[in-house]
């Protein structure tokens, strides 16, 4: 009888802790969230002899479930002046944007942060968000929020030209090296329903 009571109490404790974890864990299976594991180290930044750009990653939202005309792109940019050379996040025809700080650097978040219109920061609008500059060529450049910080989440909104008021919130898990030259995309996730929140890391 004692063993039965002890087993019952143990099972109750395990169930209680499990249910708490399910409630707080942003990575639980959510049928309204699409997520893709990428785990890809992108091409390292290198010095280009002339101003230009090179696309190193893209995610197209034109297929199911969003069917928007939005494409997210990560580019290496070589600008004039060279102090602006770095890694940037771009949306085709400004159909999408990313949350940045006042200097245009993409904001960094931990797991479990609620993504909606009230999240602090500035949406990039027509501008590209800056992941990092080339800190080997320009060691005194602003380090931003991601370089050398390990795995972090960034927050974006995807939308279409026809219905720009319908924002689809999403996150991307990335890691940027301290020298600002290499970016690794680990995963991307986004809400399937317009103007609906999700949390960073939610799957």
C-alpha atoms as a PDB file:
ATOM      1  CA  UNK A   1       0.000   0.000   0.000  1.00  0.00           C
ATOM      2  CA  UNK A   2       2.850   2.373   0.918  1.00  0.00           C
ATOM      3  CA  UNK A   3       4.538   1.652  -2.414  1.00  0.00           C
ATOM      4  CA  UNK A   4       1.314   2.441  -4.287  1.00  0.00           C
ATOM      5  CA  UNK A   5       0.899   5.755  -2.476  1.00  0.00           C
ATOM      6  CA  UNK A   6       4.546   6.704  -3.066  1.00  0.00           C
ATOM      7  CA  UNK A   7       4.270   5.796  -6.740  1.00  0.00           C
ATOM      8  CA  UNK A   8       1.070   7.837  -7.050  1.00  0.00           C
ATOM      9  CA  UNK A   9       2.700  10.869  -5.379  1.00  0.00           C
ATOM     10  CA  UNK A  10       5.781  10.533  -7.603  1.00  0.00           C
ATOM     11  CA  UNK A  11       3.606  10.342 -10.735  1.00  0.00           C
ATOM     12  CA  UNK A  12       1.628  13.387  -9.576  1.00  0.00           C
ATOM     13  CA  UNK A  13       4.826  15.425  -9.063  1.00  0.00           C
ATOM     14  CA  UNK A  14       6.187  14.410 -12.488  1.00  0.00           C
ATOM     15  CA  UNK A  15       2.859  15.265 -14.146  1.00  0.00           C
ATOM     16  CA  UNK A  16       2.764  18.661 -12.414  1.00  0.00           C
ATOM     17  CA  UNK A  17       6.280  19.584 -13.536  1.00  0.00           C
ATOM     18  CA  UNK A  18       5.634  18.294 -17.055  1.00  0.00           C
ATOM     19  CA  UNK A  19       2.483  20.343 -17.432  1.00  0.00           C
ATOM     20  CA  UNK A  20       4.292  23.472 -16.206  1.00  0.00           C
ATOM     21  CA  UNK A  21       7.028  22.913 -18.741  1.00  0.00           C
ATOM     22  CA  UNK A  22       4.513  22.532 -21.565  1.00  0.00           C
ATOM     23  CA  UNK A  23       2.907  25.828 -20.603  1.00  0.00           C
ATOM     24  CA  UNK A  24       6.161  27.812 -20.529  1.00  0.00           C
ATOM     25  CA  UNK A  25       8.138  26.157 -23.320  1.00  0.00           C
ATOM     26  CA  UNK A  26       7.936  28.248 -26.526  1.00  0.00           C
ATOM     27  CA  UNK A  27       9.141  25.324 -28.650  1.00  0.00           C
ATOM     28  CA  UNK A  28       5.951  23.273 -28.234  1.00  0.00           C
ATOM     29  CA  UNK A  29       4.223  22.086 -31.360  1.00  0.00           C
ATOM     30  CA  UNK A  30       1.951  24.886 -32.549  1.00  0.00           C
ATOM     31  CA  UNK A  31      -0.143  24.071 -35.649  1.00  0.00           C
ATOM     32  CA  UNK A  32      -0.350  27.798 -36.445  1.00  0.00           C
ATOM     33  CA  UNK A  33       3.430  28.209 -36.690  1.00  0.00           C
ATOM     34  CA  UNK A  34       5.608  27.095 -39.604  1.00  0.00           C
ATOM     35  CA  UNK A  35       9.255  26.440 -38.761  1.00  0.00           C
ATOM     36  CA  UNK A  36      12.261  25.194 -40.708  1.00  0.00           C
ATOM     37  CA  UNK A  37      15.577  23.978 -39.323  1.00  0.00           C
ATOM     38  CA  UNK A  38      18.380  25.366 -41.473  1.00  0.00           C
ATOM     39  CA  UNK A  39      21.654  24.822 -39.576  1.00  0.00           C
ATOM     40  CA  UNK A  40      23.671  26.389 -42.350  1.00  0.00           C
ATOM     41  CA  UNK A  41      26.850  28.406 -42.051  1.00  0.00           C
ATOM     42  CA  UNK A  42      26.630  30.935 -44.835  1.00  0.00           C
ATOM     43  CA  UNK A  43      29.448  32.061 -47.067  1.00  0.00           C
ATOM     44  CA  UNK A  44      31.990  34.053 -45.115  1.00  0.00           C
ATOM     45  CA  UNK A  45      32.382  37.728 -45.858  1.00  0.00           C
ATOM     46  CA  UNK A  46      35.418  38.578 -47.972  1.00  0.00           C
ATOM     47  CA  UNK A  47      36.757  41.818 -49.350  1.00  0.00           C
ATOM     48  CA  UNK A  48      35.320  42.567 -52.767  1.00  0.00           C
ATOM     49  CA  UNK A  49      37.329  44.844 -55.042  1.00  0.00           C
ATOM     50  CA  UNK A  50      34.323  46.913 -56.130  1.00  0.00           C
ATOM     51  CA  UNK A  51      31.081  48.027 -54.469  1.00  0.00           C
ATOM     52  CA  UNK A  52      28.344  45.436 -54.860  1.00  0.00           C
ATOM     53  CA  UNK A  53      26.384  42.726 -53.097  1.00  0.00           C
ATOM     54  CA  UNK A  54      26.061  38.967 -52.922  1.00  0.00           C
ATOM     55  CA  UNK A  55      22.989  37.095 -51.674  1.00  0.00           C
ATOM     56  CA  UNK A  56      23.899  34.308 -49.253  1.00  0.00           C
ATOM     57  CA  UNK A  57      20.503  33.153 -47.928  1.00  0.00           C
ATOM     58  CA  UNK A  58      16.861  33.549 -48.885  1.00  0.00           C
ATOM     59  CA  UNK A  59      13.418  32.482 -47.696  1.00  0.00           C
ATOM     60  CA  UNK A  60      10.454  32.790 -50.069  1.00  0.00           C
ATOM     61  CA  UNK A  61       7.018  33.270 -48.449  1.00  0.00           C
ATOM     62  CA  UNK A  62       5.125  32.964 -51.759  1.00  0.00           C
ATOM     63  CA  UNK A  63       4.175  29.317 -51.225  1.00  0.00           C
ATOM     64  CA  UNK A  64       1.892  27.715 -48.617  1.00  0.00           C
ATOM     65  CA  UNK A  65       0.850  28.742 -46.017  1.00  0.00           C
ATOM     66  CA  UNK A  66       1.329  32.519 -46.549  1.00  0.00           C
ATOM     67  CA  UNK A  67       1.156  32.933 -50.345  1.00  0.00           C
ATOM     68  CA  UNK A  68       2.599  36.450 -50.118  1.00  0.00           C
ATOM     69  CA  UNK A  69       4.989  38.056 -52.587  1.00  0.00           C
ATOM     70  CA  UNK A  70       7.579  38.538 -49.836  1.00  0.00           C
ATOM     71  CA  UNK A  71      11.153  37.231 -50.032  1.00  0.00           C
ATOM     72  CA  UNK A  72      13.608  37.570 -47.153  1.00  0.00           C
ATOM     73  CA  UNK A  73      17.252  37.864 -48.227  1.00  0.00           C
ATOM     74  CA  UNK A  74      20.550  37.984 -46.360  1.00  0.00           C
ATOM     75  CA  UNK A  75      23.191  39.827 -48.351  1.00  0.00           C
ATOM     76  CA  UNK A  76      26.867  40.632 -48.105  1.00  0.00           C
ATOM     77  CA  UNK A  77      27.223  44.290 -49.069  1.00  0.00           C
ATOM     78  CA  UNK A  78      30.341  46.110 -50.195  1.00  0.00           C
ATOM     79  CA  UNK A  79      29.453  49.760 -50.083  1.00  0.00           C
ATOM     80  CA  UNK A  80      31.086  53.104 -50.635  1.00  0.00           C
ATOM     81  CA  UNK A  81      32.318  54.073 -48.045  1.00  0.00           C
ATOM     82  CA  UNK A  82      33.928  50.777 -47.092  1.00  0.00           C
ATOM     83  CA  UNK A  83      33.058  51.393 -43.421  1.00  0.00           C
ATOM     84  CA  UNK A  84      29.517  50.226 -44.296  1.00  0.00           C
ATOM     85  CA  UNK A  85      30.654  46.841 -45.623  1.00  0.00           C
ATOM     86  CA  UNK A  86      28.851  44.065 -43.802  1.00  0.00           C
ATOM     87  CA  UNK A  87      25.950  41.611 -43.584  1.00  0.00           C
ATOM     88  CA  UNK A  88      22.403  42.932 -44.056  1.00  0.00           C
ATOM     89  CA  UNK A  89      18.811  41.655 -44.031  1.00  0.00           C
ATOM     90  CA  UNK A  90      16.762  42.757 -47.036  1.00  0.00           C
ATOM     91  CA  UNK A  91      13.149  42.222 -48.142  1.00  0.00           C
ATOM     92  CA  UNK A  92      12.329  42.346 -51.842  1.00  0.00           C
ATOM     93  CA  UNK A  93      10.535  45.578 -52.752  1.00  0.00           C
ATOM     94  CA  UNK A  94      10.273  46.370 -49.002  1.00  0.00           C
ATOM     95  CA  UNK A  95       7.527  43.737 -48.581  1.00  0.00           C
ATOM     96  CA  UNK A  96       8.628  42.844 -45.069  1.00  0.00           C
ATOM     97  CA  UNK A  97      10.809  44.338 -42.366  1.00  0.00           C
ATOM     98  CA  UNK A  98      12.917  43.483 -39.338  1.00  0.00           C
ATOM     99  CA  UNK A  99      13.016  44.922 -35.810  1.00  0.00           C
ATOM    100  CA  UNK A 100      16.048  47.179 -35.313  1.00  0.00           C
ATOM    101  CA  UNK A 101      17.523  49.572 -32.778  1.00  0.00           C
ATOM    102  CA  UNK A 102      17.862  53.331 -33.358  1.00  0.00           C
ATOM    103  CA  UNK A 103      21.120  52.812 -35.296  1.00  0.00           C
ATOM    104  CA  UNK A 104      19.620  50.337 -37.774  1.00  0.00           C
ATOM    105  CA  UNK A 105      21.218  47.256 -36.183  1.00  0.00           C
ATOM    106  CA  UNK A 106      18.965  44.205 -35.965  1.00  0.00           C
ATOM    107  CA  UNK A 107      17.782  43.649 -32.402  1.00  0.00           C
ATOM    108  CA  UNK A 108      18.754  40.502 -30.522  1.00  0.00           C
ATOM    109  CA  UNK A 109      16.359  38.393 -28.445  1.00  0.00           C
ATOM    110  CA  UNK A 110      16.422  35.261 -26.308  1.00  0.00           C
ATOM    111  CA  UNK A 111      13.958  32.379 -26.595  1.00  0.00           C
ATOM    112  CA  UNK A 112      10.364  32.838 -25.436  1.00  0.00           C
ATOM    113  CA  UNK A 113       9.900  36.555 -26.195  1.00  0.00           C
ATOM    114  CA  UNK A 114       6.405  37.458 -27.414  1.00  0.00           C
ATOM    115  CA  UNK A 115       6.439  38.903 -30.945  1.00  0.00           C
ATOM    116  CA  UNK A 116       3.693  41.387 -31.772  1.00  0.00           C
ATOM    117  CA  UNK A 117       3.206  45.088 -32.550  1.00  0.00           C
ATOM    118  CA  UNK A 118       4.073  46.106 -28.970  1.00  0.00           C
ATOM    119  CA  UNK A 119       7.628  44.715 -29.001  1.00  0.00           C
ATOM    120  CA  UNK A 120      10.158  47.501 -28.383  1.00  0.00           C
ATOM    121  CA  UNK A 121      12.278  48.605 -31.313  1.00  0.00           C
ATOM    122  CA  UNK A 122      11.907  50.161 -34.754  1.00  0.00           C
ATOM    123  CA  UNK A 123      10.629  48.283 -37.788  1.00  0.00           C
ATOM    124  CA  UNK A 124      13.119  48.779 -40.603  1.00  0.00           C
ATOM    125  CA  UNK A 125      10.513  49.762 -43.197  1.00  0.00           C
ATOM    126  CA  UNK A 126      12.239  50.593 -46.483  1.00  0.00           C
ATOM    127  CA  UNK A 127      15.713  50.194 -44.980  1.00  0.00           C
ATOM    128  CA  UNK A 128      17.760  47.018 -44.643  1.00  0.00           C
ATOM    129  CA  UNK A 129      18.566  45.802 -41.148  1.00  0.00           C
ATOM    130  CA  UNK A 130      22.258  45.472 -40.269  1.00  0.00           C
ATOM    131  CA  UNK A 131      23.492  42.173 -38.797  1.00  0.00           C
ATOM    132  CA  UNK A 132      27.091  43.335 -38.519  1.00  0.00           C
ATOM    133  CA  UNK A 133      29.880  45.281 -40.168  1.00  0.00           C
ATOM    134  CA  UNK A 134      33.242  43.899 -41.257  1.00  0.00           C
ATOM    135  CA  UNK A 135      35.127  44.392 -37.980  1.00  0.00           C
ATOM    136  CA  UNK A 136      38.418  43.114 -39.369  1.00  0.00           C
ATOM    137  CA  UNK A 137      38.567  45.948 -41.888  1.00  0.00           C
ATOM    138  CA  UNK A 138      36.865  48.386 -39.487  1.00  0.00           C
ATOM    139  CA  UNK A 139      37.618  47.362 -35.879  1.00  0.00           C
ATOM    140  CA  UNK A 140      36.169  50.567 -34.411  1.00  0.00           C
ATOM    141  CA  UNK A 141      32.770  50.200 -36.147  1.00  0.00           C
ATOM    142  CA  UNK A 142      29.600  49.869 -34.073  1.00  0.00           C
ATOM    143  CA  UNK A 143      29.367  46.203 -32.990  1.00  0.00           C
ATOM    144  CA  UNK A 144      25.568  46.097 -33.104  1.00  0.00           C
ATOM    145  CA  UNK A 145      23.578  43.516 -31.125  1.00  0.00           C
ATOM    146  CA  UNK A 146      24.544  40.157 -32.648  1.00  0.00           C
ATOM    147  CA  UNK A 147      28.274  39.895 -33.382  1.00  0.00           C
ATOM    148  CA  UNK A 148      29.995  37.558 -30.924  1.00  0.00           C
ATOM    149  CA  UNK A 149      26.810  36.987 -28.880  1.00  0.00           C
ATOM    150  CA  UNK A 150      26.273  33.311 -29.780  1.00  0.00           C
ATOM    151  CA  UNK A 151      22.873  31.939 -30.835  1.00  0.00           C
ATOM    152  CA  UNK A 152      20.225  34.681 -30.769  1.00  0.00           C
ATOM    153  CA  UNK A 153      16.806  35.348 -32.243  1.00  0.00           C
ATOM    154  CA  UNK A 154      15.820  38.191 -34.536  1.00  0.00           C
ATOM    155  CA  UNK A 155      12.249  39.271 -35.255  1.00  0.00           C
ATOM    156  CA  UNK A 156      10.663  40.109 -38.622  1.00  0.00           C
ATOM    157  CA  UNK A 157       7.321  40.710 -40.338  1.00  0.00           C
ATOM    158  CA  UNK A 158       6.409  39.363 -43.778  1.00  0.00           C
ATOM    159  CA  UNK A 159       3.584  40.838 -45.838  1.00  0.00           C
ATOM    160  CA  UNK A 160       2.405  41.240 -49.424  1.00  0.00           C
ATOM    161  CA  UNK A 161       2.153  44.272 -51.657  1.00  0.00           C
ATOM    162  CA  UNK A 162      -1.586  43.692 -52.112  1.00  0.00           C
ATOM    163  CA  UNK A 163      -2.382  43.445 -48.375  1.00  0.00           C
ATOM    164  CA  UNK A 164       0.401  45.266 -46.477  1.00  0.00           C
ATOM    165  CA  UNK A 165      -1.805  45.611 -43.392  1.00  0.00           C
ATOM    166  CA  UNK A 166      -1.691  41.830 -42.884  1.00  0.00           C
ATOM    167  CA  UNK A 167       1.588  41.278 -41.049  1.00  0.00           C
ATOM    168  CA  UNK A 168       2.927  37.769 -40.497  1.00  0.00           C
ATOM    169  CA  UNK A 169       5.296  37.824 -37.519  1.00  0.00           C
ATOM    170  CA  UNK A 170       8.317  35.569 -37.459  1.00  0.00           C
ATOM    171  CA  UNK A 171      11.709  34.853 -35.955  1.00  0.00           C
ATOM    172  CA  UNK A 172      15.070  33.651 -37.153  1.00  0.00           C
ATOM    173  CA  UNK A 173      17.707  32.009 -34.975  1.00  0.00           C
ATOM    174  CA  UNK A 174      21.199  33.098 -36.001  1.00  0.00           C
ATOM    175  CA  UNK A 175      24.785  33.261 -34.833  1.00  0.00           C
ATOM    176  CA  UNK A 176      27.177  35.993 -36.013  1.00  0.00           C
ATOM    177  CA  UNK A 177      30.921  35.721 -35.430  1.00  0.00           C
ATOM    178  CA  UNK A 178      32.674  38.427 -33.421  1.00  0.00           C
ATOM    179  CA  UNK A 179      34.541  39.605 -36.521  1.00  0.00           C
ATOM    180  CA  UNK A 180      31.206  40.280 -38.249  1.00  0.00           C
ATOM    181  CA  UNK A 181      32.167  38.315 -41.328  1.00  0.00           C
ATOM    182  CA  UNK A 182      30.295  35.037 -40.914  1.00  0.00           C
ATOM    183  CA  UNK A 183      26.617  34.389 -40.226  1.00  0.00           C
ATOM    184  CA  UNK A 184      25.018  31.048 -39.412  1.00  0.00           C
ATOM    185  CA  UNK A 185      21.262  30.609 -39.826  1.00  0.00           C
ATOM    186  CA  UNK A 186      19.996  27.883 -37.495  1.00  0.00           C
ATOM    187  CA  UNK A 187      16.214  28.025 -37.911  1.00  0.00           C
ATOM    188  CA  UNK A 188      13.330  30.212 -39.033  1.00  0.00           C
ATOM    189  CA  UNK A 189       9.719  30.247 -37.854  1.00  0.00           C
ATOM    190  CA  UNK A 190       6.646  32.357 -38.526  1.00  0.00           C
ATOM    191  CA  UNK A 191       2.974  32.664 -37.623  1.00  0.00           C
ATOM    192  CA  UNK A 192       0.580  31.389 -40.312  1.00  0.00           C
ATOM    193  CA  UNK A 193      -2.147  33.835 -39.277  1.00  0.00           C
ATOM    194  CA  UNK A 194      -1.892  37.560 -39.997  1.00  0.00           C
ATOM    195  CA  UNK A 195      -1.511  40.042 -37.110  1.00  0.00           C
ATOM    196  CA  UNK A 196      -1.189  37.190 -34.620  1.00  0.00           C
ATOM    197  CA  UNK A 197       1.608  36.869 -32.077  1.00  0.00           C
ATOM    198  CA  UNK A 198       4.057  34.033 -31.502  1.00  0.00           C
ATOM    199  CA  UNK A 199       7.186  33.634 -29.381  1.00  0.00           C
ATOM    200  CA  UNK A 200      10.804  33.484 -30.428  1.00  0.00           C
ATOM    201  CA  UNK A 201      11.716  29.821 -30.884  1.00  0.00           C
ATOM    202  CA  UNK A 202       8.096  28.670 -31.106  1.00  0.00           C
ATOM    203  CA  UNK A 203       7.689  25.739 -33.468  1.00  0.00           C
END
